[in-house]
Amino acid sequence: MKYLHTMVRVGDLEKALDFYCTKLGLENLGRFDIEEGRFSLAFLAAPGQKDAQVELTWNWDPEELDEGRNFGHLAYQVDDIYETCDRLMQAGVTINRPPRDGRMAFVRSPDNISIELLQAGKPLEPREPWASMPNTGHW
């Protein structure tokens, strides 16, 4: 058995690609528009990790997507959780669970998929503004 990918259904493919690629930093490995099925697929991965892909599925016909908390979350390890969260905040992404502990944070995609960010190695020393930043919403 071989792991292939995790699929996330999205309501707006361009907004999702902006979040996952431009803001979060994943690479777009390819997009496939399936006209007969009326859907598009985009395959993404963290740089240099093509074996751990996320498939974004966008159905062309409008549909209401639930919040998706039962999905759980996608998790990515980052070199500097404070820098990553700051970069995301500067790009307009809400930090739902700030990295108060220097170890873990959560953000959400435009389709409300929870993304867990984990500090590589040991947690960083707590620092402001993160140490006293409250949670926003849920994740």
N, C-alpha and C. Protein backbone atom coordinates (compact mmCIF):
# COMPACT_ATOMS: atom_id res chain seq x y z
N MET A 1 0.84 -1.17 0.00
CA MET A 1 0.00 0.00 0.00
C MET A 1 0.89 1.25 0.00
N LYS A 2 0.45 2.28 -0.72
CA LYS A 2 1.20 3.53 -0.81
C LYS A 2 0.25 4.70 -0.61
N TYR A 3 0.62 5.63 0.26
CA TYR A 3 -0.15 6.85 0.45
C TYR A 3 -0.09 7.67 -0.83
N LEU A 4 -1.24 8.19 -1.27
CA LEU A 4 -1.27 9.02 -2.47
C LEU A 4 -1.52 10.49 -2.15
N HIS A 5 -2.67 10.79 -1.54
CA HIS A 5 -2.99 12.18 -1.25
C HIS A 5 -4.19 12.27 -0.32
N THR A 6 -4.43 13.48 0.18
CA THR A 6 -5.63 13.80 0.93
C THR A 6 -6.43 14.77 0.08
N MET A 7 -7.74 14.53 -0.05
CA MET A 7 -8.60 15.39 -0.87
C MET A 7 -9.35 16.37 0.02
N VAL A 8 -9.38 17.63 -0.41
CA VAL A 8 -10.14 18.68 0.24
C VAL A 8 -11.03 19.31 -0.83
N ARG A 9 -12.33 19.34 -0.57
CA ARG A 9 -13.26 19.97 -1.51
C ARG A 9 -13.28 21.47 -1.24
N VAL A 10 -13.22 22.28 -2.31
CA VAL A 10 -13.17 23.73 -2.17
C VAL A 10 -14.32 24.38 -2.94
N GLY A 11 -14.73 25.56 -2.47
CA GLY A 11 -15.83 26.29 -3.10
C GLY A 11 -15.37 27.25 -4.19
N ASP A 12 -14.13 27.70 -4.12
CA ASP A 12 -13.57 28.64 -5.09
C ASP A 12 -12.11 28.25 -5.28
N LEU A 13 -11.80 27.64 -6.41
CA LEU A 13 -10.46 27.11 -6.63
C LEU A 13 -9.39 28.20 -6.61
N GLU A 14 -9.68 29.36 -7.19
CA GLU A 14 -8.67 30.43 -7.22
C GLU A 14 -8.37 30.95 -5.82
N LYS A 15 -9.39 31.12 -4.99
CA LYS A 15 -9.17 31.55 -3.60
C LYS A 15 -8.39 30.48 -2.84
N ALA A 16 -8.73 29.22 -3.08
CA ALA A 16 -8.04 28.12 -2.40
C ALA A 16 -6.57 28.07 -2.82
N LEU A 17 -6.30 28.21 -4.12
CA LEU A 17 -4.91 28.20 -4.59
C LEU A 17 -4.13 29.38 -4.04
N ASP A 18 -4.77 30.54 -3.93
CA ASP A 18 -4.10 31.70 -3.34
C ASP A 18 -3.72 31.39 -1.90
N PHE A 19 -4.64 30.79 -1.13
CA PHE A 19 -4.35 30.47 0.26
C PHE A 19 -3.24 29.43 0.36
N TYR A 20 -3.44 28.27 -0.26
CA TYR A 20 -2.51 27.15 -0.09
C TYR A 20 -1.14 27.43 -0.72
N CYS A 21 -1.10 28.08 -1.88
CA CYS A 21 0.18 28.30 -2.57
C CYS A 21 0.81 29.64 -2.23
N THR A 22 0.10 30.73 -2.48
CA THR A 22 0.66 32.06 -2.29
C THR A 22 0.92 32.35 -0.81
N LYS A 23 -0.05 32.04 0.04
CA LYS A 23 0.07 32.40 1.45
C LYS A 23 0.75 31.32 2.28
N LEU A 24 0.29 30.07 2.15
CA LEU A 24 0.84 28.99 2.97
C LEU A 24 2.18 28.50 2.44
N GLY A 25 2.37 28.54 1.11
CA GLY A 25 3.66 28.18 0.54
C GLY A 25 3.76 26.82 -0.11
N LEU A 26 2.61 26.16 -0.34
CA LEU A 26 2.66 24.87 -1.04
C LEU A 26 2.92 25.10 -2.52
N GLU A 27 3.42 24.07 -3.18
CA GLU A 27 3.65 24.14 -4.63
C GLU A 27 2.49 23.50 -5.35
N ASN A 28 2.08 24.12 -6.45
CA ASN A 28 1.03 23.56 -7.31
C ASN A 28 1.72 22.60 -8.28
N LEU A 29 1.43 21.31 -8.12
CA LEU A 29 2.06 20.28 -8.96
C LEU A 29 1.32 20.05 -10.26
N GLY A 30 0.10 20.56 -10.36
CA GLY A 30 -0.65 20.39 -11.60
C GLY A 30 -2.14 20.57 -11.38
N ARG A 31 -2.77 21.09 -12.41
CA ARG A 31 -4.22 21.29 -12.39
C ARG A 31 -4.82 20.55 -13.56
N PHE A 32 -5.96 19.91 -13.31
CA PHE A 32 -6.65 19.15 -14.34
C PHE A 32 -8.11 19.56 -14.34
N ASP A 33 -8.58 20.07 -15.48
CA ASP A 33 -9.98 20.44 -15.65
C ASP A 33 -10.67 19.29 -16.39
N ILE A 34 -11.66 18.68 -15.74
CA ILE A 34 -12.36 17.53 -16.30
C ILE A 34 -13.73 18.00 -16.76
N GLU A 35 -13.81 18.42 -18.02
CA GLU A 35 -15.03 19.03 -18.56
C GLU A 35 -16.22 18.08 -18.48
N GLU A 36 -16.04 16.82 -18.86
CA GLU A 36 -17.17 15.88 -18.85
C GLU A 36 -17.71 15.63 -17.44
N GLY A 37 -16.86 15.75 -16.44
CA GLY A 37 -17.29 15.57 -15.05
C GLY A 37 -17.64 16.89 -14.36
N ARG A 38 -17.34 18.02 -15.02
CA ARG A 38 -17.63 19.36 -14.50
C ARG A 38 -16.93 19.60 -13.16
N PHE A 39 -15.63 19.27 -13.12
CA PHE A 39 -14.85 19.54 -11.92
C PHE A 39 -13.39 19.76 -12.31
N SER A 40 -12.66 20.38 -11.38
CA SER A 40 -11.22 20.60 -11.55
C SER A 40 -10.49 20.04 -10.34
N LEU A 41 -9.29 19.55 -10.58
CA LEU A 41 -8.43 19.04 -9.52
C LEU A 41 -7.11 19.80 -9.57
N ALA A 42 -6.59 20.14 -8.40
CA ALA A 42 -5.25 20.73 -8.30
C ALA A 42 -4.51 19.92 -7.24
N PHE A 43 -3.30 19.50 -7.56
CA PHE A 43 -2.49 18.71 -6.64
C PHE A 43 -1.36 19.60 -6.11
N LEU A 44 -1.26 19.65 -4.78
CA LEU A 44 -0.31 20.52 -4.10
C LEU A 44 0.58 19.71 -3.17
N ALA A 45 1.75 20.24 -2.87
CA ALA A 45 2.64 19.59 -1.91
C ALA A 45 3.58 20.65 -1.33
N ALA A 46 4.07 20.37 -0.14
CA ALA A 46 5.11 21.22 0.43
C ALA A 46 6.35 21.10 -0.46
N PRO A 47 7.13 22.16 -0.58
CA PRO A 47 8.31 22.11 -1.45
C PRO A 47 9.19 20.89 -1.18
N GLY A 48 9.49 20.16 -2.25
CA GLY A 48 10.35 18.99 -2.15
C GLY A 48 9.69 17.75 -1.58
N GLN A 49 8.37 17.77 -1.39
CA GLN A 49 7.68 16.63 -0.77
C GLN A 49 6.52 16.15 -1.63
N LYS A 50 6.81 15.80 -2.85
CA LYS A 50 5.76 15.40 -3.79
C LYS A 50 5.04 14.12 -3.39
N ASP A 51 5.59 13.38 -2.43
CA ASP A 51 4.93 12.14 -1.99
C ASP A 51 3.84 12.38 -0.95
N ALA A 52 3.65 13.61 -0.52
CA ALA A 52 2.63 13.94 0.49
C ALA A 52 1.75 15.06 -0.07
N GLN A 53 0.83 14.67 -0.96
CA GLN A 53 0.05 15.65 -1.70
C GLN A 53 -1.32 15.92 -1.08
N VAL A 54 -1.81 17.12 -1.36
CA VAL A 54 -3.18 17.51 -1.06
C VAL A 54 -3.85 17.74 -2.41
N GLU A 55 -4.99 17.12 -2.60
CA GLU A 55 -5.77 17.32 -3.82
C GLU A 55 -6.90 18.28 -3.51
N LEU A 56 -6.96 19.40 -4.21
CA LEU A 56 -8.09 20.31 -4.10
C LEU A 56 -9.08 19.93 -5.20
N THR A 57 -10.32 19.66 -4.81
CA THR A 57 -11.36 19.31 -5.77
C THR A 57 -12.39 20.43 -5.80
N TRP A 58 -12.62 20.98 -6.99
CA TRP A 58 -13.60 22.05 -7.16
C TRP A 58 -14.65 21.59 -8.17
N ASN A 59 -15.87 21.45 -7.69
CA ASN A 59 -16.99 21.11 -8.57
C ASN A 59 -17.53 22.40 -9.18
N TRP A 60 -17.69 22.40 -10.51
CA TRP A 60 -18.08 23.62 -11.20
C TRP A 60 -19.50 24.06 -10.86
N ASP A 61 -20.39 23.12 -10.60
CA ASP A 61 -21.76 23.47 -10.26
C ASP A 61 -21.80 23.90 -8.80
N PRO A 62 -22.47 25.03 -8.52
CA PRO A 62 -22.50 25.54 -7.14
C PRO A 62 -23.04 24.51 -6.16
N GLU A 63 -22.40 24.46 -4.99
CA GLU A 63 -22.87 23.59 -3.92
C GLU A 63 -22.48 24.22 -2.60
N GLU A 64 -23.28 23.98 -1.58
CA GLU A 64 -22.97 24.51 -0.26
C GLU A 64 -22.09 23.51 0.47
N LEU A 65 -20.92 23.98 0.90
CA LEU A 65 -20.00 23.12 1.63
C LEU A 65 -20.13 23.39 3.11
N ASP A 66 -20.23 22.34 3.89
CA ASP A 66 -20.25 22.49 5.34
C ASP A 66 -18.89 22.95 5.82
N GLU A 67 -18.81 23.23 7.09
CA GLU A 67 -17.59 23.74 7.67
C GLU A 67 -16.45 22.73 7.64
N GLY A 68 -16.71 21.47 7.74
CA GLY A 68 -15.67 20.48 7.59
C GLY A 68 -14.87 20.14 8.84
N ARG A 69 -15.33 20.52 10.03
CA ARG A 69 -14.55 20.20 11.23
C ARG A 69 -14.39 18.70 11.41
N ASN A 70 -15.34 17.92 10.92
CA ASN A 70 -15.22 16.48 11.06
C ASN A 70 -14.09 15.91 10.21
N PHE A 71 -13.56 16.72 9.28
CA PHE A 71 -12.42 16.30 8.47
C PHE A 71 -11.17 16.19 9.34
N GLY A 72 -11.07 17.00 10.35
CA GLY A 72 -9.85 17.05 11.14
C GLY A 72 -9.00 18.22 10.68
N HIS A 73 -7.76 17.98 10.28
CA HIS A 73 -6.91 19.06 9.83
C HIS A 73 -5.75 18.53 9.00
N LEU A 74 -5.12 19.45 8.29
CA LEU A 74 -3.85 19.18 7.62
C LEU A 74 -2.77 19.74 8.53
N ALA A 75 -1.65 19.07 8.64
CA ALA A 75 -0.57 19.53 9.52
C ALA A 75 0.72 19.69 8.72
N TYR A 76 1.39 20.82 8.97
CA TYR A 76 2.66 21.11 8.32
C TYR A 76 3.67 21.58 9.36
N GLN A 77 4.89 21.06 9.25
CA GLN A 77 5.99 21.49 10.11
C GLN A 77 6.65 22.71 9.47
N VAL A 78 6.98 23.70 10.28
CA VAL A 78 7.61 24.92 9.77
C VAL A 78 8.90 25.20 10.53
N ASP A 79 9.83 25.90 9.88
CA ASP A 79 11.12 26.21 10.50
C ASP A 79 11.02 27.25 11.60
N ASP A 80 10.11 28.22 11.44
CA ASP A 80 9.95 29.28 12.43
C ASP A 80 8.46 29.62 12.51
N ILE A 81 7.81 29.12 13.53
CA ILE A 81 6.35 29.29 13.64
C ILE A 81 5.95 30.75 13.76
N TYR A 82 6.77 31.56 14.42
CA TYR A 82 6.44 32.97 14.55
C TYR A 82 6.52 33.69 13.20
N GLU A 83 7.56 33.42 12.45
CA GLU A 83 7.72 34.03 11.13
C GLU A 83 6.58 33.57 10.22
N THR A 84 6.25 32.30 10.27
CA THR A 84 5.18 31.77 9.41
C THR A 84 3.85 32.43 9.75
N CYS A 85 3.52 32.52 11.03
CA CYS A 85 2.26 33.13 11.43
C CYS A 85 2.23 34.61 11.09
N ASP A 86 3.36 35.30 11.26
CA ASP A 86 3.42 36.71 10.91
C ASP A 86 3.20 36.90 9.41
N ARG A 87 3.85 36.08 8.60
CA ARG A 87 3.70 36.16 7.14
C ARG A 87 2.24 35.92 6.75
N LEU A 88 1.61 34.91 7.36
CA LEU A 88 0.20 34.62 7.06
C LEU A 88 -0.70 35.78 7.49
N MET A 89 -0.45 36.33 8.67
CA MET A 89 -1.25 37.46 9.14
C MET A 89 -1.10 38.66 8.20
N GLN A 90 0.12 38.93 7.74
CA GLN A 90 0.36 40.04 6.81
C GLN A 90 -0.37 39.82 5.49
N ALA A 91 -0.64 38.55 5.16
CA ALA A 91 -1.36 38.21 3.93
C ALA A 91 -2.87 38.16 4.15
N GLY A 92 -3.32 38.53 5.36
CA GLY A 92 -4.76 38.58 5.62
C GLY A 92 -5.36 37.32 6.19
N VAL A 93 -4.54 36.36 6.59
CA VAL A 93 -5.03 35.10 7.16
C VAL A 93 -5.20 35.27 8.67
N THR A 94 -6.35 34.87 9.19
CA THR A 94 -6.60 34.91 10.63
C THR A 94 -5.85 33.79 11.31
N ILE A 95 -5.15 34.10 12.38
CA ILE A 95 -4.48 33.09 13.19
C ILE A 95 -5.49 32.68 14.27
N ASN A 96 -6.16 31.55 14.05
CA ASN A 96 -7.23 31.13 14.96
C ASN A 96 -6.70 30.69 16.32
N ARG A 97 -5.60 29.97 16.31
CA ARG A 97 -4.95 29.55 17.56
C ARG A 97 -3.51 30.02 17.45
N PRO A 98 -3.17 31.14 18.09
CA PRO A 98 -1.81 31.66 18.00
C PRO A 98 -0.78 30.73 18.63
N PRO A 99 0.48 30.85 18.22
CA PRO A 99 1.53 29.99 18.76
C PRO A 99 2.04 30.49 20.12
N ARG A 100 1.15 30.58 21.08
CA ARG A 100 1.53 31.09 22.41
C ARG A 100 2.65 30.27 23.03
N ASP A 101 2.68 28.98 22.74
CA ASP A 101 3.66 28.08 23.33
C ASP A 101 4.93 27.94 22.49
N GLY A 102 5.00 28.65 21.36
CA GLY A 102 6.16 28.55 20.48
C GLY A 102 6.21 27.23 19.72
N ARG A 103 5.13 26.48 19.76
CA ARG A 103 5.12 25.15 19.17
C ARG A 103 4.03 24.91 18.15
N MET A 104 2.81 25.43 18.41
CA MET A 104 1.67 25.04 17.60
C MET A 104 0.76 26.23 17.34
N ALA A 105 0.22 26.29 16.11
CA ALA A 105 -0.77 27.30 15.73
C ALA A 105 -1.76 26.65 14.77
N PHE A 106 -2.92 27.27 14.65
CA PHE A 106 -3.92 26.83 13.68
C PHE A 106 -4.43 28.03 12.89
N VAL A 107 -4.61 27.82 11.59
CA VAL A 107 -5.28 28.76 10.70
C VAL A 107 -6.34 27.97 9.95
N ARG A 108 -7.15 28.66 9.16
CA ARG A 108 -8.16 27.98 8.37
C ARG A 108 -8.10 28.46 6.93
N SER A 109 -8.38 27.55 6.02
CA SER A 109 -8.43 27.89 4.60
C SER A 109 -9.72 28.66 4.30
N PRO A 110 -9.86 29.20 3.09
CA PRO A 110 -11.11 29.88 2.74
C PRO A 110 -12.33 28.96 2.84
N ASP A 111 -12.13 27.65 2.81
CA ASP A 111 -13.22 26.69 2.93
C ASP A 111 -13.31 26.11 4.33
N ASN A 112 -12.66 26.77 5.29
CA ASN A 112 -12.70 26.40 6.70
C ASN A 112 -12.06 25.05 7.03
N ILE A 113 -11.07 24.66 6.24
CA ILE A 113 -10.28 23.48 6.58
C ILE A 113 -9.21 23.93 7.56
N SER A 114 -9.11 23.25 8.69
CA SER A 114 -8.10 23.60 9.70
C SER A 114 -6.71 23.16 9.25
N ILE A 115 -5.77 24.08 9.41
CA ILE A 115 -4.37 23.81 9.08
C ILE A 115 -3.57 23.97 10.37
N GLU A 116 -2.92 22.90 10.82
CA GLU A 116 -2.08 22.95 12.00
C GLU A 116 -0.65 23.23 11.57
N LEU A 117 -0.03 24.20 12.21
CA LEU A 117 1.37 24.53 11.96
C LEU A 117 2.16 24.13 13.20
N LEU A 118 3.20 23.32 13.02
CA LEU A 118 4.00 22.83 14.13
C LEU A 118 5.46 23.25 13.95
N GLN A 119 6.03 23.78 15.01
CA GLN A 119 7.43 24.19 15.00
C GLN A 119 8.34 22.98 14.85
N ALA A 120 9.28 23.04 13.91
CA ALA A 120 10.27 21.98 13.75
C ALA A 120 11.18 21.98 14.97
N GLY A 121 11.52 20.80 15.45
CA GLY A 121 12.42 20.69 16.59
C GLY A 121 11.75 21.12 17.87
N LYS A 122 12.54 21.71 18.75
CA LYS A 122 12.03 22.16 20.05
C LYS A 122 11.19 23.42 19.89
N PRO A 123 10.20 23.61 20.77
CA PRO A 123 9.41 24.85 20.72
C PRO A 123 10.29 26.08 20.88
N LEU A 124 9.91 27.16 20.23
CA LEU A 124 10.61 28.43 20.41
C LEU A 124 10.18 29.05 21.74
N GLU A 125 11.00 29.91 22.30
CA GLU A 125 10.64 30.60 23.53
C GLU A 125 9.40 31.45 23.28
N PRO A 126 8.44 31.45 24.21
CA PRO A 126 7.26 32.30 24.04
C PRO A 126 7.67 33.76 23.86
N ARG A 127 6.96 34.47 22.97
CA ARG A 127 7.24 35.88 22.74
C ARG A 127 5.97 36.60 22.31
N GLU A 128 5.99 37.88 22.51
CA GLU A 128 4.86 38.73 22.11
C GLU A 128 4.97 39.05 20.62
N PRO A 129 3.85 39.31 19.96
CA PRO A 129 2.51 39.43 20.51
C PRO A 129 1.81 38.09 20.71
N TRP A 130 2.48 37.02 20.34
CA TRP A 130 1.86 35.70 20.31
C TRP A 130 1.49 35.19 21.71
N ALA A 131 2.34 35.42 22.70
CA ALA A 131 2.14 34.85 24.03
C ALA A 131 0.82 35.29 24.67
N SER A 132 0.37 36.51 24.36
CA SER A 132 -0.87 36.99 24.98
C SER A 132 -2.01 37.14 23.98
N MET A 133 -1.82 36.67 22.77
CA MET A 133 -2.86 36.78 21.74
C MET A 133 -3.96 35.75 21.99
N PRO A 134 -5.22 36.19 22.03
CA PRO A 134 -6.31 35.24 22.27
C PRO A 134 -6.64 34.41 21.02
N ASN A 135 -7.35 33.32 21.25
CA ASN A 135 -7.88 32.53 20.13
C ASN A 135 -8.92 33.36 19.39
N THR A 136 -9.08 33.08 18.11
CA THR A 136 -10.11 33.72 17.29
C THR A 136 -10.95 32.62 16.67
N GLY A 137 -12.23 32.59 17.01
CA GLY A 137 -13.10 31.55 16.45
C GLY A 137 -12.70 30.18 16.94
N HIS A 138 -12.75 29.23 16.06
CA HIS A 138 -12.34 27.87 16.38
C HIS A 138 -11.61 27.26 15.20
N TRP A 139 -11.08 26.09 15.39
CA TRP A 139 -10.28 25.46 14.34
C TRP A 139 -10.51 24.02 14.29
